[in-house]
Amino acid sequence: MLCDLRLRAAAVLSALVVGVSACGGSQPASEPDPDDPGIGHIHGLGIDSADNALYVAGHYGLFKINSAETAERVAGRINDYMGFTIVGPKTFLASGHPGDPNATSPHLGLIRTTDAGHTWTTVSEGGKADFHALQAAGDHLYGYDSQSARVKASTDQGRSWTNGAQESVIDLAANGADPVRLYATTPDGLRVSTNGGQDFAPVEGAPLLSHVDSPAKDLLIGPDAEGVIRSSTDGGRTWQTGGRLPGQAAAFTAVDGKHLLAAMEDGTVYESRNGGQDFSVVFRPALR
């Protein structure tokens, strides 16, 4: 029975990898404007510590959530932000594809903003890399480049990269207290690297997670393929079961050990303030 359950869950996660690689599809718009493409598939979430605002990185731009019903596309820019993370006040890192059909390359590489998404500069890999996952951990930065199917590591804020292992990565997690310890969710289960992503090994006994985050040393938390929140306080040796999301998460972020954010395939964003024991809706796209 356990094998059957893992096979079914693996099939669900495999479908997620295919969906992410295809960069997602269109979802209902944030406002009922027939000329606006809406947010699209949500790839990333985060809270800007400058003003505690919630940001959503989607297929059709970066959005600041103003209320449970309204989202503002930052700078009116329609880029597909496949990878996204907030690393400081008004300071975000992202990757993906330009919205301009006349762009010279379909790949943004690593880009950075210090004004909450109003302007961006290319840090590295412009025209080459498409990072579908970005994870900062102290002075380390990790990315999963879908173009090479490699985990990459940087110790100079993304200006240069070292190639790591080839893996089918959905999400990455690391913590600055132990920055060379890197976790990856994959269709085959949770994997861990103890050498900064150079190679990975299975985390024995871990649940099959769709996403994972590590907001503190040895703390791992994320939803499984059915949306159930699973957590470990000992680096993955033992696991606890929390509350449940209404379905498989499209994106997940742990702001800290208690404050969790998750986006569903329909664009609805849920928030937990008690470590995933229960969730409430903080944003729901308007129906057309």
C-alpha atoms as a PDB file:
ATOM      1  CA  MET A   1       0.000   0.000   0.000  1.00  0.00           C
ATOM      2  CA  LEU A   2       2.828   2.426   0.866  1.00  0.00           C
ATOM      3  CA  CYS A   3       4.482   1.758  -2.493  1.00  0.00           C
ATOM      4  CA  ASP A   4       1.192   2.390  -4.298  1.00  0.00           C
ATOM      5  CA  LEU A   5       0.741   5.697  -2.468  1.00  0.00           C
ATOM      6  CA  ARG A   6       4.281   6.798  -3.282  1.00  0.00           C
ATOM      7  CA  LEU A   7       3.832   5.864  -6.930  1.00  0.00           C
ATOM      8  CA  ARG A   8       0.630   7.900  -7.156  1.00  0.00           C
ATOM      9  CA  ALA A   9       2.265  10.843  -5.401  1.00  0.00           C
ATOM     10  CA  ALA A  10       5.313  10.597  -7.661  1.00  0.00           C
ATOM     11  CA  ALA A  11       3.026  10.756 -10.675  1.00  0.00           C
ATOM     12  CA  VAL A  12       1.460  13.939  -9.300  1.00  0.00           C
ATOM     13  CA  LEU A  13       4.881  15.507  -8.729  1.00  0.00           C
ATOM     14  CA  SER A  14       6.059  14.453 -12.184  1.00  0.00           C
ATOM     15  CA  ALA A  15       3.090  16.298 -13.632  1.00  0.00           C
ATOM     16  CA  LEU A  16       4.089  19.340 -11.574  1.00  0.00           C
ATOM     17  CA  VAL A  17       7.600  19.284 -13.040  1.00  0.00           C
ATOM     18  CA  VAL A  18       6.162  19.184 -16.556  1.00  0.00           C
ATOM     19  CA  GLY A  19       3.830  22.085 -15.744  1.00  0.00           C
ATOM     20  CA  VAL A  20       6.619  24.181 -14.279  1.00  0.00           C
ATOM     21  CA  SER A  21       8.929  23.452 -17.209  1.00  0.00           C
ATOM     22  CA  ALA A  22       6.200  24.636 -19.534  1.00  0.00           C
ATOM     23  CA  CYS A  23       6.047  27.906 -17.538  1.00  0.00           C
ATOM     24  CA  GLY A  24       2.405  27.528 -16.555  1.00  0.00           C
ATOM     25  CA  GLY A  25      -0.824  28.683 -18.131  1.00  0.00           C
ATOM     26  CA  SER A  26      -3.174  31.579 -17.867  1.00  0.00           C
ATOM     27  CA  GLN A  27      -5.322  32.018 -14.774  1.00  0.00           C
ATOM     28  CA  PRO A  28      -8.148  34.475 -14.045  1.00  0.00           C
ATOM     29  CA  ALA A  29      -7.139  38.126 -13.911  1.00  0.00           C
ATOM     30  CA  SER A  30      -6.651  40.045 -10.682  1.00  0.00           C
ATOM     31  CA  GLU A  31      -9.255  42.536 -11.943  1.00  0.00           C
ATOM     32  CA  PRO A  32     -12.124  41.746 -14.326  1.00  0.00           C
ATOM     33  CA  ASP A  33     -10.492  43.510 -17.296  1.00  0.00           C
ATOM     34  CA  PRO A  34     -10.865  41.506 -20.518  1.00  0.00           C
ATOM     35  CA  ASP A  35      -7.683  43.091 -21.940  1.00  0.00           C
ATOM     36  CA  ASP A  36      -5.538  42.149 -18.947  1.00  0.00           C
ATOM     37  CA  PRO A  37      -3.943  38.670 -18.979  1.00  0.00           C
ATOM     38  CA  GLY A  38      -4.097  38.466 -15.174  1.00  0.00           C
ATOM     39  CA  ILE A  39      -1.405  36.949 -12.985  1.00  0.00           C
ATOM     40  CA  GLY A  40      -1.185  33.553 -14.660  1.00  0.00           C
ATOM     41  CA  HIS A  41       0.431  30.577 -12.972  1.00  0.00           C
ATOM     42  CA  ILE A  42       2.076  31.657  -9.697  1.00  0.00           C
ATOM     43  CA  HIS A  43       5.752  30.737  -9.417  1.00  0.00           C
ATOM     44  CA  GLY A  44       6.862  32.558  -6.267  1.00  0.00           C
ATOM     45  CA  LEU A  45       5.713  34.362  -3.113  1.00  0.00           C
ATOM     46  CA  GLY A  46       7.301  36.583  -0.524  1.00  0.00           C
ATOM     47  CA  ILE A  47       6.902  39.316   2.089  1.00  0.00           C
ATOM     48  CA  ASP A  48       8.916  42.524   1.690  1.00  0.00           C
ATOM     49  CA  SER A  49      10.220  43.461   5.136  1.00  0.00           C
ATOM     50  CA  ALA A  50      10.285  47.129   4.079  1.00  0.00           C
ATOM     51  CA  ASP A  51       6.505  47.403   4.360  1.00  0.00           C
ATOM     52  CA  ASN A  52       5.299  43.831   5.046  1.00  0.00           C
ATOM     53  CA  ALA A  53       3.639  43.771   1.625  1.00  0.00           C
ATOM     54  CA  LEU A  54       2.878  40.460  -0.055  1.00  0.00           C
ATOM     55  CA  TYR A  55       4.339  39.972  -3.535  1.00  0.00           C
ATOM     56  CA  VAL A  56       3.358  37.324  -6.044  1.00  0.00           C
ATOM     57  CA  ALA A  57       5.566  36.400  -9.002  1.00  0.00           C
ATOM     58  CA  GLY A  58       3.475  35.047 -11.847  1.00  0.00           C
ATOM     59  CA  HIS A  59       3.419  34.145 -15.503  1.00  0.00           C
ATOM     60  CA  TYR A  60       2.347  37.676 -16.407  1.00  0.00           C
ATOM     61  CA  GLY A  61       4.370  39.832 -14.042  1.00  0.00           C
ATOM     62  CA  LEU A  62       5.233  40.673 -10.459  1.00  0.00           C
ATOM     63  CA  PHE A  63       2.228  41.733  -8.377  1.00  0.00           C
ATOM     64  CA  LYS A  64       1.865  43.583  -5.098  1.00  0.00           C
ATOM     65  CA  ILE A  65      -1.203  42.330  -3.253  1.00  0.00           C
ATOM     66  CA  ASN A  66      -3.180  45.324  -2.008  1.00  0.00           C
ATOM     67  CA  SER A  67      -6.196  43.457  -0.627  1.00  0.00           C
ATOM     68  CA  ALA A  68      -7.854  40.067  -0.759  1.00  0.00           C
ATOM     69  CA  GLU A  69      -9.375  41.044  -4.113  1.00  0.00           C
ATOM     70  CA  THR A  70      -6.860  43.390  -5.745  1.00  0.00           C
ATOM     71  CA  ALA A  71      -3.331  42.969  -7.044  1.00  0.00           C
ATOM     72  CA  GLU A  72      -1.194  45.655  -8.685  1.00  0.00           C
ATOM     73  CA  ARG A  73       1.172  44.658 -11.486  1.00  0.00           C
ATOM     74  CA  VAL A  74       4.457  46.342 -10.512  1.00  0.00           C
ATOM     75  CA  ALA A  75       5.585  48.891 -13.106  1.00  0.00           C
ATOM     76  CA  GLY A  76       3.048  47.444 -15.561  1.00  0.00           C
ATOM     77  CA  ARG A  77       5.696  44.966 -16.692  1.00  0.00           C
ATOM     78  CA  ILE A  78       4.558  41.630 -18.131  1.00  0.00           C
ATOM     79  CA  ASN A  79       7.507  39.301 -17.594  1.00  0.00           C
ATOM     80  CA  ASP A  80       7.254  35.621 -16.729  1.00  0.00           C
ATOM     81  CA  TYR A  81       9.041  35.324 -13.383  1.00  0.00           C
ATOM     82  CA  MET A  82       9.818  31.607 -13.130  1.00  0.00           C
ATOM     83  CA  GLY A  83      12.167  31.959 -10.161  1.00  0.00           C
ATOM     84  CA  PHE A  84      11.671  34.543  -7.410  1.00  0.00           C
ATOM     85  CA  THR A  85      12.924  35.244  -3.907  1.00  0.00           C
ATOM     86  CA  ILE A  86      13.034  38.241  -1.570  1.00  0.00           C
ATOM     87  CA  VAL A  87      16.489  38.690  -0.030  1.00  0.00           C
ATOM     88  CA  GLY A  88      16.148  42.038   1.776  1.00  0.00           C
ATOM     89  CA  PRO A  89      14.057  45.198   2.091  1.00  0.00           C
ATOM     90  CA  LYS A  90      12.822  46.041  -1.435  1.00  0.00           C
ATOM     91  CA  THR A  91      15.505  43.674  -2.752  1.00  0.00           C
ATOM     92  CA  PHE A  92      14.332  40.759  -4.876  1.00  0.00           C
ATOM     93  CA  LEU A  93      16.019  38.232  -7.158  1.00  0.00           C
ATOM     94  CA  ALA A  94      14.239  36.684 -10.116  1.00  0.00           C
ATOM     95  CA  SER A  95      14.640  34.813 -13.364  1.00  0.00           C
ATOM     96  CA  GLY A  96      12.433  33.721 -16.228  1.00  0.00           C
ATOM     97  CA  HIS A  97      11.409  35.174 -19.567  1.00  0.00           C
ATOM     98  CA  PRO A  98      10.891  38.714 -20.895  1.00  0.00           C
ATOM     99  CA  GLY A  99       7.405  39.760 -21.866  1.00  0.00           C
ATOM    100  CA  ASP A 100       8.703  41.800 -24.807  1.00  0.00           C
ATOM    101  CA  PRO A 101       8.208  39.715 -27.980  1.00  0.00           C
ATOM    102  CA  ASN A 102      11.145  41.589 -29.547  1.00  0.00           C
ATOM    103  CA  ALA A 103      13.588  40.663 -26.784  1.00  0.00           C
ATOM    104  CA  THR A 104      16.921  39.345 -28.025  1.00  0.00           C
ATOM    105  CA  SER A 105      16.711  36.230 -25.820  1.00  0.00           C
ATOM    106  CA  PRO A 106      13.907  34.277 -24.152  1.00  0.00           C
ATOM    107  CA  HIS A 107      15.954  33.931 -20.947  1.00  0.00           C
ATOM    108  CA  LEU A 108      16.424  36.685 -18.369  1.00  0.00           C
ATOM    109  CA  GLY A 109      19.254  35.017 -16.453  1.00  0.00           C
ATOM    110  CA  LEU A 110      19.520  36.282 -12.880  1.00  0.00           C
ATOM    111  CA  ILE A 111      18.015  39.754 -12.369  1.00  0.00           C
ATOM    112  CA  ARG A 112      17.912  41.946  -9.262  1.00  0.00           C
ATOM    113  CA  THR A 113      15.818  44.844  -8.025  1.00  0.00           C
ATOM    114  CA  THR A 114      16.429  47.146  -5.064  1.00  0.00           C
ATOM    115  CA  ASP A 115      13.200  49.143  -5.465  1.00  0.00           C
ATOM    116  CA  ALA A 116      10.613  46.372  -5.046  1.00  0.00           C
ATOM    117  CA  GLY A 117      10.414  45.448  -8.705  1.00  0.00           C
ATOM    118  CA  HIS A 118      10.089  48.848 -10.345  1.00  0.00           C
ATOM    119  CA  THR A 119      13.493  48.536 -12.036  1.00  0.00           C
ATOM    120  CA  TRP A 120      15.669  45.482 -12.609  1.00  0.00           C
ATOM    121  CA  THR A 121      19.310  44.936 -13.548  1.00  0.00           C
ATOM    122  CA  THR A 122      20.901  41.800 -14.968  1.00  0.00           C
ATOM    123  CA  VAL A 123      23.331  40.226 -12.495  1.00  0.00           C
ATOM    124  CA  SER A 124      24.538  37.277 -14.584  1.00  0.00           C
ATOM    125  CA  GLU A 125      23.645  34.582 -17.120  1.00  0.00           C
ATOM    126  CA  GLY A 126      21.567  36.983 -19.243  1.00  0.00           C
ATOM    127  CA  GLY A 127      20.297  35.171 -22.330  1.00  0.00           C
ATOM    128  CA  LYS A 128      21.503  31.828 -20.963  1.00  0.00           C
ATOM    129  CA  ALA A 129      19.978  30.650 -17.703  1.00  0.00           C
ATOM    130  CA  ASP A 130      16.342  30.194 -16.705  1.00  0.00           C
ATOM    131  CA  PHE A 131      16.349  29.655 -12.954  1.00  0.00           C
ATOM    132  CA  HIS A 132      13.147  27.901 -11.886  1.00  0.00           C
ATOM    133  CA  ALA A 133      14.214  27.952  -8.225  1.00  0.00           C
ATOM    134  CA  LEU A 134      16.299  30.497  -6.312  1.00  0.00           C
ATOM    135  CA  GLN A 135      17.399  30.089  -2.693  1.00  0.00           C
ATOM    136  CA  ALA A 136      19.583  32.399  -0.608  1.00  0.00           C
ATOM    137  CA  ALA A 137      21.387  30.998   2.455  1.00  0.00           C
ATOM    138  CA  GLY A 138      23.690  33.450   4.195  1.00  0.00           C
ATOM    139  CA  ASP A 139      26.470  34.310   1.747  1.00  0.00           C
ATOM    140  CA  HIS A 140      25.420  31.444  -0.543  1.00  0.00           C
ATOM    141  CA  LEU A 141      22.920  31.640  -3.382  1.00  0.00           C
ATOM    142  CA  TYR A 142      21.561  28.578  -5.145  1.00  0.00           C
ATOM    143  CA  GLY A 143      19.636  28.284  -8.362  1.00  0.00           C
ATOM    144  CA  TYR A 144      18.179  25.504 -10.446  1.00  0.00           C
ATOM    145  CA  ASP A 145      18.759  26.261 -14.122  1.00  0.00           C
ATOM    146  CA  SER A 146      16.138  24.550 -16.273  1.00  0.00           C
ATOM    147  CA  GLN A 147      18.280  25.020 -19.384  1.00  0.00           C
ATOM    148  CA  SER A 148      21.116  22.836 -18.114  1.00  0.00           C
ATOM    149  CA  ALA A 149      19.066  20.873 -15.540  1.00  0.00           C
ATOM    150  CA  ARG A 150      21.781  21.735 -13.028  1.00  0.00           C
ATOM    151  CA  VAL A 151      21.884  23.109  -9.537  1.00  0.00           C
ATOM    152  CA  LYS A 152      24.223  26.100  -9.494  1.00  0.00           C
ATOM    153  CA  ALA A 153      25.882  27.801  -6.531  1.00  0.00           C
ATOM    154  CA  SER A 154      27.241  31.311  -6.014  1.00  0.00           C
ATOM    155  CA  THR A 155      29.108  32.958  -3.158  1.00  0.00           C
ATOM    156  CA  ASP A 156      29.213  36.456  -4.695  1.00  0.00           C
ATOM    157  CA  GLN A 157      25.483  37.257  -4.811  1.00  0.00           C
ATOM    158  CA  GLY A 158      24.982  35.602  -8.173  1.00  0.00           C
ATOM    159  CA  ARG A 159      27.658  37.354 -10.197  1.00  0.00           C
ATOM    160  CA  SER A 160      29.401  34.047 -10.896  1.00  0.00           C
ATOM    161  CA  TRP A 161      28.281  30.451 -10.552  1.00  0.00           C
ATOM    162  CA  THR A 162      29.700  26.989  -9.916  1.00  0.00           C
ATOM    163  CA  ASN A 163      27.970  24.081 -11.625  1.00  0.00           C
ATOM    164  CA  GLY A 164      26.570  21.426  -9.314  1.00  0.00           C
ATOM    165  CA  ALA A 165      24.605  18.229  -9.728  1.00  0.00           C
ATOM    166  CA  GLN A 166      22.077  17.496 -12.429  1.00  0.00           C
ATOM    167  CA  GLU A 167      18.714  16.852 -10.803  1.00  0.00           C
ATOM    168  CA  SER A 168      14.990  17.146 -11.625  1.00  0.00           C
ATOM    169  CA  VAL A 169      14.409  19.923  -9.099  1.00  0.00           C
ATOM    170  CA  ILE A 170      11.035  21.406  -8.202  1.00  0.00           C
ATOM    171  CA  ASP A 171      12.147  23.482  -5.204  1.00  0.00           C
ATOM    172  CA  LEU A 172      15.289  24.240  -3.184  1.00  0.00           C
ATOM    173  CA  ALA A 173      15.728  24.960   0.532  1.00  0.00           C
ATOM    174  CA  ALA A 174      18.716  26.029   2.617  1.00  0.00           C
ATOM    175  CA  ASN A 175      19.440  28.094   5.708  1.00  0.00           C
ATOM    176  CA  GLY A 176      22.236  30.535   6.451  1.00  0.00           C
ATOM    177  CA  ALA A 177      23.126  28.728   9.683  1.00  0.00           C
ATOM    178  CA  ASP A 178      24.408  25.793   7.592  1.00  0.00           C
ATOM    179  CA  PRO A 179      24.658  27.229   4.067  1.00  0.00           C
ATOM    180  CA  VAL A 180      26.296  24.242   2.346  1.00  0.00           C
ATOM    181  CA  ARG A 181      23.437  21.949   3.351  1.00  0.00           C
ATOM    182  CA  LEU A 182      20.929  22.140   0.501  1.00  0.00           C
ATOM    183  CA  TYR A 183      17.614  20.311   0.112  1.00  0.00           C
ATOM    184  CA  ALA A 184      15.756  19.687  -3.125  1.00  0.00           C
ATOM    185  CA  THR A 185      12.273  18.376  -3.797  1.00  0.00           C
ATOM    186  CA  THR A 186      12.183  16.058  -6.805  1.00  0.00           C
ATOM    187  CA  PRO A 187       9.669  13.596  -8.322  1.00  0.00           C
ATOM    188  CA  ASP A 188      11.645  10.823  -6.619  1.00  0.00           C
ATOM    189  CA  GLY A 189      11.477  12.382  -3.168  1.00  0.00           C
ATOM    190  CA  LEU A 190      13.345  14.813  -0.956  1.00  0.00           C
ATOM    191  CA  ARG A 191      17.101  14.888  -1.524  1.00  0.00           C
ATOM    192  CA  VAL A 192      19.920  16.549   0.417  1.00  0.00           C
ATOM    193  CA  SER A 193      23.385  17.826  -0.418  1.00  0.00           C
ATOM    194  CA  THR A 194      26.013  18.446   2.248  1.00  0.00           C
ATOM    195  CA  ASN A 195      28.501  20.047  -0.128  1.00  0.00           C
ATOM    196  CA  GLY A 196      26.624  22.978  -1.600  1.00  0.00           C
ATOM    197  CA  GLY A 197      24.793  21.122  -4.329  1.00  0.00           C
ATOM    198  CA  GLN A 198      27.687  19.193  -5.836  1.00  0.00           C
ATOM    199  CA  ASP A 199      25.845  15.933  -5.261  1.00  0.00           C
ATOM    200  CA  PHE A 200      22.651  14.783  -3.557  1.00  0.00           C
ATOM    201  CA  ALA A 201      21.409  11.757  -1.630  1.00  0.00           C
ATOM    202  CA  PRO A 202      17.880  10.704  -0.654  1.00  0.00           C
ATOM    203  CA  VAL A 203      16.485  11.822   2.706  1.00  0.00           C
ATOM    204  CA  GLU A 204      15.388   8.419   3.941  1.00  0.00           C
ATOM    205  CA  GLY A 205      11.871   8.265   5.330  1.00  0.00           C
ATOM    206  CA  ALA A 206      10.927  11.761   4.171  1.00  0.00           C
ATOM    207  CA  PRO A 207       7.422  12.391   2.824  1.00  0.00           C
ATOM    208  CA  LEU A 208       7.091  13.137  -0.871  1.00  0.00           C
ATOM    209  CA  LEU A 209       6.994  16.943  -0.781  1.00  0.00           C
ATOM    210  CA  SER A 210       6.018  19.224  -3.636  1.00  0.00           C
ATOM    211  CA  HIS A 211       7.841  22.198  -2.060  1.00  0.00           C
ATOM    212  CA  VAL A 212      10.139  22.744   0.904  1.00  0.00           C
ATOM    213  CA  ASP A 213      11.629  25.647   2.827  1.00  0.00           C
ATOM    214  CA  SER A 214      14.082  25.934   5.712  1.00  0.00           C
ATOM    215  CA  PRO A 215      13.440  29.103   7.753  1.00  0.00           C
ATOM    216  CA  ALA A 216      15.734  27.957  10.600  1.00  0.00           C
ATOM    217  CA  LYS A 217      18.580  25.496  11.065  1.00  0.00           C
ATOM    218  CA  ASP A 218      17.352  21.882  10.875  1.00  0.00           C
ATOM    219  CA  LEU A 219      13.773  23.075  10.300  1.00  0.00           C
ATOM    220  CA  LEU A 220      12.170  21.816   7.103  1.00  0.00           C
ATOM    221  CA  ILE A 221       8.583  22.555   6.214  1.00  0.00           C
ATOM    222  CA  GLY A 222       6.437  22.191   3.121  1.00  0.00           C
ATOM    223  CA  PRO A 223       3.313  20.665   1.590  1.00  0.00           C
ATOM    224  CA  ASP A 224       3.219  17.148   0.241  1.00  0.00           C
ATOM    225  CA  ALA A 225       1.621  16.145  -3.056  1.00  0.00           C
ATOM    226  CA  GLU A 226      -1.829  16.171  -1.425  1.00  0.00           C
ATOM    227  CA  GLY A 227      -1.399  19.598   0.201  1.00  0.00           C
ATOM    228  CA  VAL A 228      -0.745  18.289   3.724  1.00  0.00           C
ATOM    229  CA  ILE A 229       1.861  20.344   5.597  1.00  0.00           C
ATOM    230  CA  ARG A 230       4.797  18.260   6.800  1.00  0.00           C
ATOM    231  CA  SER A 231       7.620  19.524   9.005  1.00  0.00           C
ATOM    232  CA  SER A 232      10.851  18.318  10.559  1.00  0.00           C
ATOM    233  CA  THR A 233      12.906  19.946  13.302  1.00  0.00           C
ATOM    234  CA  ASP A 234      15.876  17.592  13.000  1.00  0.00           C
ATOM    235  CA  GLY A 235      16.956  18.005   9.406  1.00  0.00           C
ATOM    236  CA  GLY A 236      14.606  15.406   8.007  1.00  0.00           C
ATOM    237  CA  ARG A 237      15.137  12.461  10.352  1.00  0.00           C
ATOM    238  CA  THR A 238      11.608  12.623  11.786  1.00  0.00           C
ATOM    239  CA  TRP A 239       8.455  14.328  10.494  1.00  0.00           C
ATOM    240  CA  GLN A 240       5.262  15.805  11.884  1.00  0.00           C
ATOM    241  CA  THR A 241       1.924  16.340  10.147  1.00  0.00           C
ATOM    242  CA  GLY A 242       0.132  19.695  10.197  1.00  0.00           C
ATOM    243  CA  GLY A 243      -2.910  21.157   8.503  1.00  0.00           C
ATOM    244  CA  ARG A 244      -3.972  20.770   4.914  1.00  0.00           C
ATOM    245  CA  LEU A 245      -4.244  23.070   1.926  1.00  0.00           C
ATOM    246  CA  PRO A 246      -7.234  22.614  -0.418  1.00  0.00           C
ATOM    247  CA  GLY A 247      -5.014  20.985  -3.035  1.00  0.00           C
ATOM    248  CA  GLN A 248      -1.497  20.697  -4.375  1.00  0.00           C
ATOM    249  CA  ALA A 249       0.478  23.932  -3.978  1.00  0.00           C
ATOM    250  CA  ALA A 250       1.832  25.726  -7.043  1.00  0.00           C
ATOM    251  CA  ALA A 251       4.191  27.815  -4.887  1.00  0.00           C
ATOM    252  CA  PHE A 252       5.192  27.814  -1.225  1.00  0.00           C
ATOM    253  CA  THR A 253       7.294  30.028   1.063  1.00  0.00           C
ATOM    254  CA  ALA A 254       8.033  29.931   4.776  1.00  0.00           C
ATOM    255  CA  VAL A 255       8.567  33.540   5.867  1.00  0.00           C
ATOM    256  CA  ASP A 256       9.549  32.065   9.230  1.00  0.00           C
ATOM    257  CA  GLY A 257       8.691  28.925  11.164  1.00  0.00           C
ATOM    258  CA  LYS A 258       5.132  30.093  11.817  1.00  0.00           C
ATOM    259  CA  HIS A 259       4.314  32.362   8.873  1.00  0.00           C
ATOM    260  CA  LEU A 260       3.668  30.300   5.741  1.00  0.00           C
ATOM    261  CA  LEU A 261       2.415  31.284   2.282  1.00  0.00           C
ATOM    262  CA  ALA A 262       1.051  28.968  -0.380  1.00  0.00           C
ATOM    263  CA  ALA A 263      -0.496  29.541  -3.809  1.00  0.00           C
ATOM    264  CA  MET A 264      -2.914  27.160  -5.504  1.00  0.00           C
ATOM    265  CA  GLU A 265      -3.210  26.388  -9.200  1.00  0.00           C
ATOM    266  CA  ASP A 266      -6.212  28.736  -9.487  1.00  0.00           C
ATOM    267  CA  GLY A 267      -4.136  31.676  -8.186  1.00  0.00           C
ATOM    268  CA  THR A 268      -5.595  31.761  -4.680  1.00  0.00           C
ATOM    269  CA  VAL A 269      -3.000  32.569  -2.016  1.00  0.00           C
ATOM    270  CA  TYR A 270      -3.297  31.105   1.488  1.00  0.00           C
ATOM    271  CA  GLU A 271      -1.526  32.166   4.658  1.00  0.00           C
ATOM    272  CA  SER A 272      -0.842  30.421   7.954  1.00  0.00           C
ATOM    273  CA  ARG A 273       0.362  32.142  11.118  1.00  0.00           C
ATOM    274  CA  ASN A 274       0.698  28.984  13.197  1.00  0.00           C
ATOM    275  CA  GLY A 275       3.145  26.836  11.264  1.00  0.00           C
ATOM    276  CA  GLY A 276       0.602  25.327   8.914  1.00  0.00           C
ATOM    277  CA  GLN A 277      -1.982  24.104  11.399  1.00  0.00           C
ATOM    278  CA  ASP A 278      -4.619  26.111   9.540  1.00  0.00           C
ATOM    279  CA  PHE A 279      -4.774  28.547   6.621  1.00  0.00           C
ATOM    280  CA  SER A 280      -6.840  31.537   5.537  1.00  0.00           C
ATOM    281  CA  VAL A 281      -7.230  33.179   2.123  1.00  0.00           C
ATOM    282  CA  VAL A 282      -5.212  36.398   1.690  1.00  0.00           C
ATOM    283  CA  PHE A 283      -5.812  36.793  -2.036  1.00  0.00           C
ATOM    284  CA  ARG A 284      -8.246  35.336  -4.542  1.00  0.00           C
ATOM    285  CA  PRO A 285      -8.209  36.380  -8.226  1.00  0.00           C
ATOM    286  CA  ALA A 286     -11.429  37.882  -9.475  1.00  0.00           C
ATOM    287  CA  LEU A 287     -13.463  35.817 -11.906  1.00  0.00           C
ATOM    288  CA  ARG A 288     -13.955  37.178 -15.409  1.00  0.00           C
END
